Protein backbone atom coordinates (compact mmCIF):
# COMPACT_ATOMS: atom_id res chain seq x y z
CA UNK A 1 74.51 146.66 116.19
CA UNK A 2 77.41 144.45 117.42
CA UNK A 3 81.04 144.47 117.18
CA UNK A 4 84.00 142.59 119.29
CA UNK A 5 86.28 144.94 120.37
CA UNK A 6 88.51 142.58 121.33
CA UNK A 7 89.71 138.76 120.25
CA UNK A 8 88.40 136.22 122.32
CA UNK A 9 90.45 133.13 121.90
CA UNK A 10 90.75 132.50 125.89
CA UNK A 11 88.09 133.28 127.16
CA UNK A 12 88.36 133.35 130.90
CA UNK A 13 86.69 130.57 132.99
CA UNK A 14 83.89 131.94 134.90
CA UNK A 15 81.62 130.96 138.13
CA UNK A 16 78.24 131.86 138.04
CA UNK A 17 76.04 132.16 141.18
CA UNK A 18 72.42 131.67 141.61
CA UNK A 19 71.51 134.52 142.88
CA UNK A 20 71.15 137.99 142.26
CA UNK A 21 73.45 141.33 143.68
CA UNK A 22 71.21 144.05 143.91
CA UNK A 23 69.11 143.25 140.92
CA UNK A 24 72.28 142.00 139.03
CA UNK A 25 73.53 138.36 137.73
CA UNK A 26 76.76 137.76 140.06
CA UNK A 27 79.69 136.62 138.13
CA UNK A 28 83.01 135.47 140.18
CA UNK A 29 86.28 136.32 138.51
CA UNK A 30 87.78 132.94 140.60
CA UNK A 31 88.48 130.17 138.36
CA UNK A 32 85.88 127.59 137.65
CA UNK A 33 85.79 123.74 136.35
CA UNK A 34 83.70 124.65 133.49
CA UNK A 35 82.53 127.71 131.36
CA UNK A 36 79.32 129.18 131.88
CA UNK A 37 77.72 132.50 130.84
CA UNK A 38 75.50 134.24 132.94
CA UNK A 39 71.64 134.00 132.51
CA UNK A 40 69.34 136.98 131.72
CA UNK A 41 65.53 136.42 131.94
CA UNK A 42 63.83 137.14 129.02
CA UNK A 43 62.54 140.79 128.09
CA UNK A 44 60.60 142.87 125.83
CA UNK A 45 61.80 146.03 124.40
CA UNK A 46 60.00 148.23 127.16
CA UNK A 47 61.53 146.39 130.19
CA UNK A 48 64.75 146.93 131.95
CA UNK A 49 67.72 144.22 131.39
CA UNK A 50 69.49 143.07 134.49
CA UNK A 51 72.84 144.31 134.67
CA UNK A 52 75.68 141.58 135.04
CA UNK A 53 77.99 141.90 137.88
CA UNK A 54 81.30 140.75 137.96
CA UNK A 55 83.01 140.10 141.74
CA UNK A 56 86.70 140.57 142.27
CA UNK A 57 88.17 138.67 145.00
CA UNK A 58 90.02 140.80 147.32
CA UNK A 59 93.31 138.92 146.69
CA UNK A 60 93.12 139.79 142.73
CA UNK A 61 92.09 143.30 143.43
CA UNK A 62 95.19 143.72 145.51
CA UNK A 63 97.31 141.77 143.06
CA UNK A 64 96.44 144.13 140.64
CA UNK A 65 98.22 147.08 142.42
CA UNK A 66 101.67 145.03 142.15
CA UNK A 67 101.01 143.96 138.60
CA UNK A 68 100.53 147.37 136.84
CA UNK A 69 104.23 148.72 136.64
CA UNK A 70 104.89 151.68 134.57
CA UNK A 71 106.46 149.49 131.62
CA UNK A 72 103.22 147.39 131.55
CA UNK A 73 100.92 150.51 131.35
CA UNK A 74 103.18 151.95 128.63
CA UNK A 75 102.68 148.82 126.92
CA UNK A 76 99.09 148.56 126.86
CA UNK A 77 97.37 148.73 123.91
CA UNK A 78 94.51 151.47 123.71
CA UNK A 79 91.20 149.28 123.12
CA UNK A 80 89.72 149.30 120.03
CA UNK A 81 86.23 151.54 120.42
CA UNK A 82 84.84 149.94 117.09
CA UNK A 83 83.44 151.36 113.70
CA UNK A 84 80.08 151.40 112.65
CA UNK A 85 78.66 152.71 108.90
CA UNK A 86 77.70 156.33 108.98
CA UNK A 87 76.36 158.57 108.91
CA UNK A 88 73.23 157.41 109.93
CA UNK A 89 70.32 159.33 108.77
CA UNK A 90 69.54 160.95 112.22
CA UNK A 91 72.80 162.50 112.20
CA UNK A 92 72.55 164.13 108.59
CA UNK A 93 72.40 167.39 110.18
CA UNK A 94 75.51 167.06 111.60
CA UNK A 95 77.44 165.99 108.42
CA UNK A 96 78.27 169.41 107.50
CA UNK A 97 79.65 170.70 110.80
CA UNK A 98 83.37 171.52 111.07
CA UNK A 99 85.39 169.06 112.29
CA UNK A 100 86.22 168.71 116.27
CA UNK A 101 90.13 168.38 116.28
CA UNK A 102 90.74 167.04 120.13
CA UNK A 103 92.83 169.46 121.74
CA UNK A 104 95.35 168.55 124.67
CA UNK A 105 94.10 169.71 127.86
CA UNK A 106 95.36 169.81 131.49
CA UNK A 107 94.86 166.44 133.63
CA UNK A 108 91.51 166.77 135.54
CA UNK A 109 91.67 164.60 139.02
CA UNK A 110 88.48 162.23 138.33
CA UNK A 111 88.96 161.47 134.63
CA UNK A 112 92.00 158.82 134.16
CA UNK A 113 92.71 155.65 132.25
CA UNK A 114 91.73 152.10 133.12
CA UNK A 115 94.27 149.32 132.65
CA UNK A 116 93.29 145.78 132.32
CA UNK A 117 94.15 142.29 130.82
CA UNK A 118 92.05 140.04 128.49
CA UNK A 119 92.85 137.20 126.17
CA UNK A 120 96.52 137.31 126.95
CA UNK A 121 97.00 141.14 126.12
CA UNK A 122 96.87 144.25 128.31
CA UNK A 123 94.81 147.27 127.29
CA UNK A 124 93.99 150.92 128.37
CA UNK A 125 90.51 152.55 128.28
CA UNK A 126 88.97 155.97 129.69
CA UNK A 127 86.82 156.25 132.66
CA UNK A 128 85.47 158.67 135.13
CA UNK A 129 84.71 159.00 138.58
CA UNK A 130 80.80 159.57 139.26
CA UNK A 131 79.04 160.42 142.09
CA UNK A 132 77.68 157.62 143.97
CA UNK A 133 76.13 156.52 147.34
CA UNK A 134 78.99 154.51 147.96
CA UNK A 135 81.54 157.34 146.82
CA UNK A 136 83.79 154.70 144.83
CA UNK A 137 81.81 154.46 141.26
CA UNK A 138 83.71 154.68 138.36
CA UNK A 139 81.92 155.06 134.42
CA UNK A 140 83.36 153.47 131.49
CA UNK A 141 82.17 151.08 128.34
CA UNK A 142 81.32 148.00 128.89
CA UNK A 143 83.59 146.81 126.30
CA UNK A 144 86.44 147.43 128.65
CA UNK A 145 84.88 145.06 131.45
CA UNK A 146 83.73 142.29 128.88
CA UNK A 147 84.06 140.82 125.44
CA UNK A 148 83.26 137.69 123.56
CA UNK A 149 82.33 135.78 126.92
CA UNK A 150 85.59 136.72 128.46
CA UNK A 151 85.73 139.18 131.39
CA UNK A 152 88.76 141.75 132.37
CA UNK A 153 91.74 140.86 134.98
CA UNK A 154 94.12 142.66 136.86
CA UNK A 155 91.80 145.71 136.36
CA UNK A 156 92.58 148.90 138.02
CA UNK A 157 91.95 152.89 137.73
CA UNK A 158 94.38 155.30 137.42
CA UNK A 159 92.77 158.88 137.79
CA UNK A 160 94.51 162.33 137.32
CA UNK A 161 96.50 160.33 134.43
CA UNK A 162 99.42 162.39 132.99
CA UNK A 163 102.34 161.44 131.13
CA UNK A 164 102.47 157.67 132.51
CA UNK A 165 102.18 159.13 136.18
CA UNK A 166 98.88 160.10 138.78
CA UNK A 167 99.56 161.84 142.01
CA UNK A 168 96.75 159.76 143.13
CA UNK A 169 97.94 156.32 142.11
CA UNK A 170 95.95 153.20 141.07
CA UNK A 171 92.68 151.89 142.41
CA UNK A 172 92.01 148.61 141.85
CA UNK A 173 88.19 147.45 140.64
CA UNK A 174 86.72 145.44 143.06
CA UNK A 175 83.08 145.02 141.33
CA UNK A 176 82.13 145.76 137.97
CA UNK A 177 78.16 146.12 136.78
CA UNK A 178 77.84 145.71 132.68
CA UNK A 179 74.39 147.24 131.54
CA UNK A 180 71.81 143.99 130.83
CA UNK A 181 71.51 144.83 127.44
CA UNK A 182 75.13 144.84 126.32
CA UNK A 183 75.93 141.35 127.53
CA UNK A 184 72.67 140.12 126.92
CA UNK A 185 72.73 141.15 123.15
CA UNK A 186 76.26 140.39 122.25
CA UNK A 187 78.19 143.35 122.44
CA UNK A 188 75.08 145.61 121.33
CA UNK A 189 76.81 149.29 121.46
CA UNK A 190 73.64 151.00 122.36
CA UNK A 191 74.01 149.56 125.51
CA UNK A 192 78.01 150.13 125.86
CA UNK A 193 78.24 151.20 129.51
CA UNK A 194 79.79 150.12 132.56
CA UNK A 195 80.41 151.28 136.02
CA UNK A 196 83.07 149.96 138.41
CA UNK A 197 83.41 150.09 141.89
CA UNK A 198 87.01 150.49 143.47
CA UNK A 199 88.59 149.72 146.58
CA UNK A 200 89.36 152.38 149.08
CA UNK A 201 92.99 153.44 149.50
CA UNK A 202 95.86 152.39 151.86
CA UNK A 203 94.81 155.34 154.12
CA UNK A 204 90.95 153.98 154.03
CA UNK A 205 89.76 157.11 152.00
CA UNK A 206 87.14 156.51 149.26
CA UNK A 207 87.98 157.64 146.00
CA UNK A 208 85.49 160.25 145.47
CA UNK A 209 86.84 162.03 148.82
CA UNK A 210 90.28 162.10 146.82
CA UNK A 211 89.48 163.45 143.67
CA UNK A 212 86.02 164.42 143.41
CA UNK A 213 83.54 162.96 140.76
CA UNK A 214 80.95 164.25 138.43
CA UNK A 215 77.09 164.38 138.76
CA UNK A 216 75.04 161.81 136.60
CA UNK A 217 72.17 162.31 134.38
CA UNK A 218 69.87 159.90 132.59
CA UNK A 219 67.44 160.13 130.09
CA UNK A 220 68.66 163.26 128.05
CA UNK A 221 68.03 164.61 124.88
CA UNK A 222 70.00 163.12 122.02
CA UNK A 223 71.19 166.71 120.53
CA UNK A 224 72.79 169.03 122.94
CA UNK A 225 76.02 170.78 123.61
CA UNK A 226 78.61 168.25 125.31
CA UNK A 227 82.20 167.37 125.64
CA UNK A 228 83.89 164.30 125.46
CA UNK A 229 87.19 163.62 127.06
CA UNK A 230 89.74 160.86 126.90
CA UNK A 231 92.95 159.48 126.65
CA UNK A 232 93.34 158.23 122.78
CA UNK A 233 96.14 156.24 121.77
CA UNK A 234 96.79 155.73 117.95
CA UNK A 235 97.08 158.24 114.98
CA UNK A 236 98.52 161.16 116.25
CA UNK A 237 97.68 160.43 120.01
CA UNK A 238 100.13 158.89 122.09
CA UNK A 239 97.50 157.95 125.00
CA UNK A 240 99.56 159.75 127.46
CA UNK A 241 97.51 163.03 128.04
CA UNK A 242 94.10 163.97 128.21
CA UNK A 243 92.34 165.37 125.05
CA UNK A 244 89.02 166.97 124.74
CA UNK A 245 86.49 167.90 121.67
CA UNK A 246 83.59 170.00 122.39
CA UNK A 247 80.63 170.63 119.86
CA UNK A 248 76.90 169.66 119.48
CA UNK A 249 76.27 166.34 119.99
CA UNK A 250 73.50 164.99 117.39
CA UNK A 251 71.37 161.78 116.91
CA UNK A 252 73.07 159.04 115.56
CA UNK A 253 70.39 156.58 116.47
CA UNK A 254 67.56 156.45 118.94
CA UNK A 255 70.29 155.22 121.92
CA UNK A 256 73.18 156.70 120.26
CA UNK A 257 74.82 160.15 119.79
CA UNK A 258 77.55 161.30 117.87
CA UNK A 259 79.85 163.99 117.09
CA UNK A 260 82.20 165.50 115.24
CA UNK A 261 85.88 164.16 116.82
CA UNK A 262 89.30 163.20 115.34
CA UNK A 263 90.19 161.14 118.48
CA UNK A 264 90.82 157.26 118.37
CA UNK A 265 91.46 154.16 120.00
CA UNK A 266 91.81 154.34 124.06
CA UNK A 267 89.04 156.75 123.98
CA UNK A 268 86.96 154.22 124.73
CA UNK A 269 84.88 154.90 128.00
CA UNK A 270 85.76 158.31 128.17
CA UNK A 271 83.04 160.70 129.92
CA UNK A 272 80.19 162.95 127.82
CA UNK A 273 79.35 166.17 129.88
CA UNK A 274 76.70 167.97 129.52
CA UNK A 275 78.17 171.67 128.56
CA UNK A 276 81.74 172.56 127.49
CA UNK A 277 84.30 171.27 130.20
CA UNK A 278 84.45 168.65 132.62
CA UNK A 279 82.78 170.46 135.54
CA UNK A 280 79.31 169.29 134.14
CA UNK A 281 77.18 166.31 134.71
CA UNK A 282 77.86 162.93 132.84
CA UNK A 283 75.31 161.26 130.98
CA UNK A 284 77.00 159.36 128.20
CA UNK A 285 80.15 157.38 127.63
CA UNK A 286 82.21 157.20 124.49
CA UNK A 287 82.10 153.63 122.98
CA UNK A 288 82.33 153.66 118.92
CA UNK A 289 83.75 155.68 115.68
CA UNK A 290 82.07 156.38 112.34
CA UNK A 291 84.09 154.48 109.61
CA UNK A 292 86.34 156.35 108.11
CA UNK A 293 85.21 159.51 109.46
CA UNK A 294 86.41 161.94 112.10
CA UNK A 295 83.64 160.82 114.38
CA UNK A 296 82.72 159.68 117.96
CA UNK A 297 79.78 157.81 119.13
CA UNK A 298 78.55 157.23 122.29
CA UNK A 299 75.50 155.47 124.17
CA UNK A 300 73.22 158.09 125.84
CA UNK A 301 72.43 156.78 129.31
CA UNK A 302 68.72 155.47 129.61
CA UNK A 303 67.36 152.85 131.39
CA UNK A 304 69.59 149.88 131.22
CA UNK A 305 72.24 152.06 132.28
CA UNK A 306 70.38 153.85 135.25
CA UNK A 307 69.97 150.00 136.63
CA UNK A 308 74.02 149.34 135.73
CA UNK A 309 74.68 152.48 137.76
CA UNK A 310 72.03 151.78 140.71
CA UNK A 311 73.68 148.61 141.57
CA UNK A 312 77.38 149.76 141.36
CA UNK A 313 76.56 152.72 143.44
CA UNK A 314 74.53 150.50 146.16
CA UNK A 315 78.06 148.29 146.63
CA UNK A 316 79.70 148.52 149.94
CA UNK A 317 81.79 145.59 149.81
């Protein structure tokens, strides 16, 4: 299943390094004389796809902090999370479940909005800090980092976002790691997950020390109670406050889960937690909606996502 969440009329020129960084294909956001695409080894269905690593030069990361004024954030477009036909046969048992109407909840320090530029436009996704060895790793959707061969620039994470402000400020992305299956398969939504590493703040503190973070789980059951959080910004939502849907997730496919929930664009990348609140471990991220139905989908974190997480968590700058 594929989709392109953003237009790609002006793909970013990228330089592809001929080396691997902790098992990932390295891409630099510095300008290059010609366009190129990261190379990926061929693999059968049972192997793990190599994640794509996007490196942000320190000067660009620093410039992103000054770039995101309150006015730019307010004008950012809620990233499209795409739609898919549905429900799938695997989700039929969930079809009769009561619709989960998203509820406004108090901000959670480690959940926030992810702002970025691509194709001449500014966008916003949702994201969440996850516990890691480098204490600087944030989970979101892969389509928030790349689309149509272009990569996001001026990327910052704003934790604890609420009505346009955050007590913790902005944290610029210094490295992004995209699940290998997503980039290799032209936006395969079954692998639409990414992990970014953010810089330390001006006081030298890592983000996990400041706002906390969620434990992570991989290879979890498709059917289980869970909770999705995010910042939807279409329809009845304005993207200014944190929203939540709770219920039992069901299998939409062998790699995706679905929940009755009326959240809209902007929730892309929002964390899906085990249990009924944000204290549980994260095991998936929101990335799509069912056509004309109030349902949200997300790729459950499997081997490709585990490889991307390990690569991001090992980054130390």
